[in-house]
Amino acid sequence: MRAEVGTIFALSWLITWYGHVLSEFHHVLRLYDFFLASHPRMAVYFAAVIVLHREKEVKQTECDMAMVYHILSQIPQDLPYEELITVLQLNPVL
């Protein structure tokens, strides 16, 4: 089954470079440093790596658009930012 969520859940992530959705200011600064020193699409790639990191959590959620949207739109506070940045640095998508 498919929940048909699309990508709208990540819109606020991308238009604010995650500044509006992260509660820890040092995470925002770290991501801004990373994005400024990287490819112009890196904020989009980072959104993809967040979704891939949370794959099991998403698959365990009821296949309902509202439920999946809610899970995906909330960025966890304990997200391993440095680990995800390293994944993108070691596996260039370009």
N, C-alpha and C. Protein backbone atom coordinates (compact mmCIF):
# COMPACT_ATOMS: atom_id res chain seq x y z
N MET A 1 0.83 -1.19 0.00
CA MET A 1 0.00 0.00 0.00
C MET A 1 0.88 1.25 0.00
N ARG A 2 0.31 2.34 -0.47
CA ARG A 2 1.03 3.60 -0.53
C ARG A 2 0.21 4.67 0.17
N ALA A 3 0.90 5.50 0.94
CA ALA A 3 0.21 6.56 1.68
C ALA A 3 0.05 7.83 0.84
N GLU A 4 0.78 7.93 -0.29
CA GLU A 4 0.66 9.08 -1.19
C GLU A 4 0.93 10.42 -0.49
N VAL A 5 1.99 10.47 0.30
CA VAL A 5 2.32 11.69 1.04
C VAL A 5 2.96 12.73 0.14
N GLY A 6 3.75 12.31 -0.81
CA GLY A 6 4.46 13.26 -1.65
C GLY A 6 5.63 13.87 -0.91
N THR A 7 6.00 15.08 -1.26
CA THR A 7 7.17 15.72 -0.65
C THR A 7 6.84 17.00 0.11
N ILE A 8 5.58 17.33 0.21
CA ILE A 8 5.18 18.59 0.85
C ILE A 8 5.63 18.66 2.31
N PHE A 9 5.80 17.51 2.96
CA PHE A 9 6.22 17.50 4.37
C PHE A 9 7.56 18.19 4.56
N ALA A 10 8.40 18.23 3.53
CA ALA A 10 9.74 18.80 3.65
C ALA A 10 9.83 20.24 3.16
N LEU A 11 8.73 20.83 2.75
CA LEU A 11 8.76 22.18 2.20
C LEU A 11 9.38 23.19 3.17
N SER A 12 8.94 23.18 4.43
CA SER A 12 9.48 24.14 5.39
C SER A 12 10.95 23.87 5.69
N TRP A 13 11.38 22.61 5.56
CA TRP A 13 12.79 22.29 5.75
C TRP A 13 13.62 23.05 4.72
N LEU A 14 13.19 22.96 3.47
CA LEU A 14 14.00 23.48 2.37
C LEU A 14 13.93 25.00 2.24
N ILE A 15 12.75 25.59 2.41
CA ILE A 15 12.67 27.03 2.19
C ILE A 15 13.34 27.82 3.31
N THR A 16 13.58 27.18 4.45
CA THR A 16 14.27 27.88 5.56
C THR A 16 15.61 27.25 5.88
N TRP A 17 16.07 26.32 5.04
CA TRP A 17 17.31 25.58 5.31
C TRP A 17 17.26 24.99 6.73
N TYR A 18 16.12 24.47 7.11
CA TYR A 18 15.89 23.79 8.39
C TYR A 18 15.87 24.73 9.59
N GLY A 19 16.08 26.01 9.39
CA GLY A 19 16.13 26.96 10.49
C GLY A 19 14.83 27.10 11.25
N HIS A 20 13.72 26.86 10.59
CA HIS A 20 12.40 27.01 11.22
C HIS A 20 11.95 25.75 11.95
N VAL A 21 12.56 24.61 11.65
CA VAL A 21 12.07 23.34 12.20
C VAL A 21 13.00 22.70 13.23
N LEU A 22 14.19 23.23 13.39
CA LEU A 22 15.12 22.66 14.38
C LEU A 22 15.12 23.52 15.64
N SER A 23 15.07 22.87 16.78
CA SER A 23 15.00 23.62 18.04
C SER A 23 16.37 23.99 18.59
N GLU A 24 17.39 23.26 18.19
CA GLU A 24 18.75 23.53 18.68
C GLU A 24 19.49 24.43 17.69
N PHE A 25 19.82 25.63 18.13
CA PHE A 25 20.45 26.61 17.24
C PHE A 25 21.79 26.12 16.70
N HIS A 26 22.55 25.38 17.50
CA HIS A 26 23.85 24.90 17.03
C HIS A 26 23.69 23.90 15.87
N HIS A 27 22.57 23.17 15.83
CA HIS A 27 22.32 22.29 14.69
C HIS A 27 22.04 23.12 13.43
N VAL A 28 21.29 24.18 13.59
CA VAL A 28 21.01 25.07 12.46
C VAL A 28 22.31 25.66 11.92
N LEU A 29 23.16 26.15 12.81
CA LEU A 29 24.44 26.73 12.37
C LEU A 29 25.31 25.70 11.67
N ARG A 30 25.34 24.48 12.20
CA ARG A 30 26.16 23.42 11.58
C ARG A 30 25.65 23.11 10.18
N LEU A 31 24.34 23.02 10.04
CA LEU A 31 23.79 22.74 8.71
C LEU A 31 24.03 23.89 7.76
N TYR A 32 23.91 25.13 8.22
CA TYR A 32 24.20 26.28 7.36
C TYR A 32 25.65 26.25 6.88
N ASP A 33 26.57 25.96 7.77
CA ASP A 33 27.98 25.84 7.38
C ASP A 33 28.14 24.77 6.30
N PHE A 34 27.51 23.63 6.54
CA PHE A 34 27.60 22.51 5.59
C PHE A 34 27.00 22.89 4.24
N PHE A 35 25.83 23.50 4.24
CA PHE A 35 25.17 23.85 2.98
C PHE A 35 25.95 24.92 2.21
N LEU A 36 26.49 25.91 2.91
CA LEU A 36 27.25 26.97 2.24
C LEU A 36 28.54 26.45 1.62
N ALA A 37 29.11 25.40 2.20
CA ALA A 37 30.36 24.85 1.70
C ALA A 37 30.15 23.69 0.72
N SER A 38 28.89 23.43 0.36
CA SER A 38 28.58 22.26 -0.46
C SER A 38 27.85 22.67 -1.74
N HIS A 39 27.43 21.66 -2.46
CA HIS A 39 26.65 21.85 -3.68
C HIS A 39 25.35 22.60 -3.37
N PRO A 40 24.87 23.43 -4.28
CA PRO A 40 23.64 24.19 -4.03
C PRO A 40 22.40 23.34 -3.70
N ARG A 41 22.39 22.09 -4.11
CA ARG A 41 21.25 21.22 -3.82
C ARG A 41 21.42 20.40 -2.54
N MET A 42 22.44 20.68 -1.75
CA MET A 42 22.72 19.85 -0.59
C MET A 42 21.59 19.85 0.43
N ALA A 43 20.84 20.92 0.56
CA ALA A 43 19.70 20.92 1.49
C ALA A 43 18.66 19.89 1.06
N VAL A 44 18.48 19.72 -0.24
CA VAL A 44 17.56 18.70 -0.75
C VAL A 44 18.12 17.31 -0.48
N TYR A 45 19.41 17.12 -0.72
CA TYR A 45 20.04 15.82 -0.45
C TYR A 45 19.96 15.49 1.03
N PHE A 46 20.10 16.50 1.88
CA PHE A 46 20.02 16.26 3.32
C PHE A 46 18.60 15.82 3.70
N ALA A 47 17.59 16.39 3.06
CA ALA A 47 16.21 15.94 3.31
C ALA A 47 16.06 14.47 2.94
N ALA A 48 16.66 14.08 1.83
CA ALA A 48 16.58 12.67 1.41
C ALA A 48 17.27 11.76 2.41
N VAL A 49 18.42 12.17 2.92
CA VAL A 49 19.14 11.32 3.87
C VAL A 49 18.40 11.23 5.21
N ILE A 50 17.67 12.27 5.58
CA ILE A 50 16.83 12.20 6.79
C ILE A 50 15.74 11.16 6.60
N VAL A 51 15.06 11.20 5.46
CA VAL A 51 13.98 10.24 5.19
C VAL A 51 14.54 8.82 5.16
N LEU A 52 15.67 8.63 4.51
CA LEU A 52 16.28 7.29 4.47
C LEU A 52 16.69 6.82 5.87
N HIS A 53 17.19 7.73 6.68
CA HIS A 53 17.57 7.39 8.05
C HIS A 53 16.36 6.93 8.87
N ARG A 54 15.20 7.47 8.57
CA ARG A 54 13.98 7.17 9.33
C ARG A 54 13.10 6.13 8.63
N GLU A 55 13.67 5.40 7.68
CA GLU A 55 12.91 4.44 6.88
C GLU A 55 12.13 3.43 7.73
N LYS A 56 12.76 2.82 8.70
CA LYS A 56 12.08 1.81 9.53
C LYS A 56 10.89 2.41 10.27
N GLU A 57 11.10 3.60 10.82
CA GLU A 57 10.03 4.28 11.55
C GLU A 57 8.84 4.57 10.64
N VAL A 58 9.12 5.00 9.43
CA VAL A 58 8.05 5.30 8.47
C VAL A 58 7.32 4.02 8.07
N LYS A 59 8.07 2.96 7.82
CA LYS A 59 7.44 1.70 7.40
C LYS A 59 6.60 1.07 8.51
N GLN A 60 6.91 1.37 9.76
CA GLN A 60 6.14 0.82 10.88
C GLN A 60 4.87 1.63 11.15
N THR A 61 4.75 2.77 10.52
CA THR A 61 3.59 3.64 10.70
C THR A 61 2.42 3.12 9.86
N GLU A 62 1.23 3.31 10.36
CA GLU A 62 0.02 2.94 9.62
C GLU A 62 0.04 3.61 8.25
N CYS A 63 -0.36 2.87 7.23
CA CYS A 63 -0.33 3.39 5.86
C CYS A 63 -1.51 4.34 5.63
N ASP A 64 -1.40 5.49 6.23
CA ASP A 64 -2.42 6.53 6.14
C ASP A 64 -1.70 7.84 5.88
N MET A 65 -2.17 8.61 4.92
CA MET A 65 -1.48 9.83 4.52
C MET A 65 -1.22 10.76 5.69
N ALA A 66 -2.22 10.97 6.54
CA ALA A 66 -2.06 11.89 7.67
C ALA A 66 -1.02 11.38 8.66
N MET A 67 -1.02 10.08 8.92
CA MET A 67 -0.06 9.51 9.88
C MET A 67 1.37 9.60 9.35
N VAL A 68 1.55 9.22 8.10
CA VAL A 68 2.89 9.26 7.50
C VAL A 68 3.38 10.70 7.39
N TYR A 69 2.50 11.61 7.00
CA TYR A 69 2.86 13.03 6.92
C TYR A 69 3.33 13.53 8.29
N HIS A 70 2.59 13.18 9.33
CA HIS A 70 2.94 13.63 10.69
C HIS A 70 4.33 13.10 11.09
N ILE A 71 4.59 11.84 10.83
CA ILE A 71 5.89 11.25 11.17
C ILE A 71 7.01 11.96 10.40
N LEU A 72 6.83 12.12 9.10
CA LEU A 72 7.89 12.69 8.27
C LEU A 72 8.10 14.18 8.52
N SER A 73 7.06 14.91 8.83
CA SER A 73 7.21 16.37 8.98
C SER A 73 7.91 16.76 10.28
N GLN A 74 7.96 15.87 11.24
CA GLN A 74 8.62 16.14 12.52
C GLN A 74 10.06 15.63 12.47
N ILE A 75 11.02 16.52 12.59
CA ILE A 75 12.42 16.10 12.64
C ILE A 75 12.75 15.77 14.09
N PRO A 76 13.21 14.55 14.36
CA PRO A 76 13.51 14.17 15.74
C PRO A 76 14.64 15.02 16.34
N GLN A 77 14.54 15.27 17.63
CA GLN A 77 15.57 16.06 18.31
C GLN A 77 16.90 15.31 18.40
N ASP A 78 16.85 13.98 18.37
CA ASP A 78 18.07 13.19 18.52
C ASP A 78 18.65 12.73 17.18
N LEU A 79 18.33 13.42 16.13
CA LEU A 79 18.85 13.06 14.81
C LEU A 79 20.37 13.17 14.82
N PRO A 80 21.08 12.16 14.31
CA PRO A 80 22.55 12.20 14.31
C PRO A 80 23.08 13.06 13.15
N TYR A 81 23.08 14.35 13.33
CA TYR A 81 23.42 15.29 12.26
C TYR A 81 24.80 15.03 11.67
N GLU A 82 25.79 14.88 12.52
CA GLU A 82 27.15 14.67 12.00
C GLU A 82 27.26 13.38 11.21
N GLU A 83 26.58 12.35 11.67
CA GLU A 83 26.59 11.07 10.96
C GLU A 83 25.94 11.22 9.58
N LEU A 84 24.85 11.94 9.51
CA LEU A 84 24.16 12.14 8.23
C LEU A 84 24.98 13.03 7.29
N ILE A 85 25.64 14.03 7.83
CA ILE A 85 26.53 14.87 7.02
C ILE A 85 27.67 14.03 6.47
N THR A 86 28.23 13.17 7.30
CA THR A 86 29.31 12.29 6.86
C THR A 86 28.84 11.36 5.75
N VAL A 87 27.64 10.83 5.87
CA VAL A 87 27.09 9.97 4.82
C VAL A 87 27.06 10.71 3.49
N LEU A 88 26.62 11.96 3.51
CA LEU A 88 26.57 12.74 2.27
C LEU A 88 27.96 13.09 1.75
N GLN A 89 28.90 13.33 2.64
CA GLN A 89 30.26 13.65 2.21
C GLN A 89 30.96 12.43 1.60
N LEU A 90 30.70 11.26 2.16
CA LEU A 90 31.36 10.04 1.69
C LEU A 90 30.68 9.42 0.48
N ASN A 91 29.43 9.77 0.26
CA ASN A 91 28.65 9.22 -0.85
C ASN A 91 28.08 10.35 -1.69
N PRO A 92 28.92 11.02 -2.43
CA PRO A 92 28.42 12.15 -3.23
C PRO A 92 27.34 11.68 -4.20
N VAL A 93 26.31 12.47 -4.31
CA VAL A 93 25.19 12.12 -5.17
C VAL A 93 25.30 12.76 -6.54
N LEU A 94 26.35 13.50 -6.75
CA LEU A 94 26.52 14.17 -8.05
C LEU A 94 27.39 13.36 -8.97
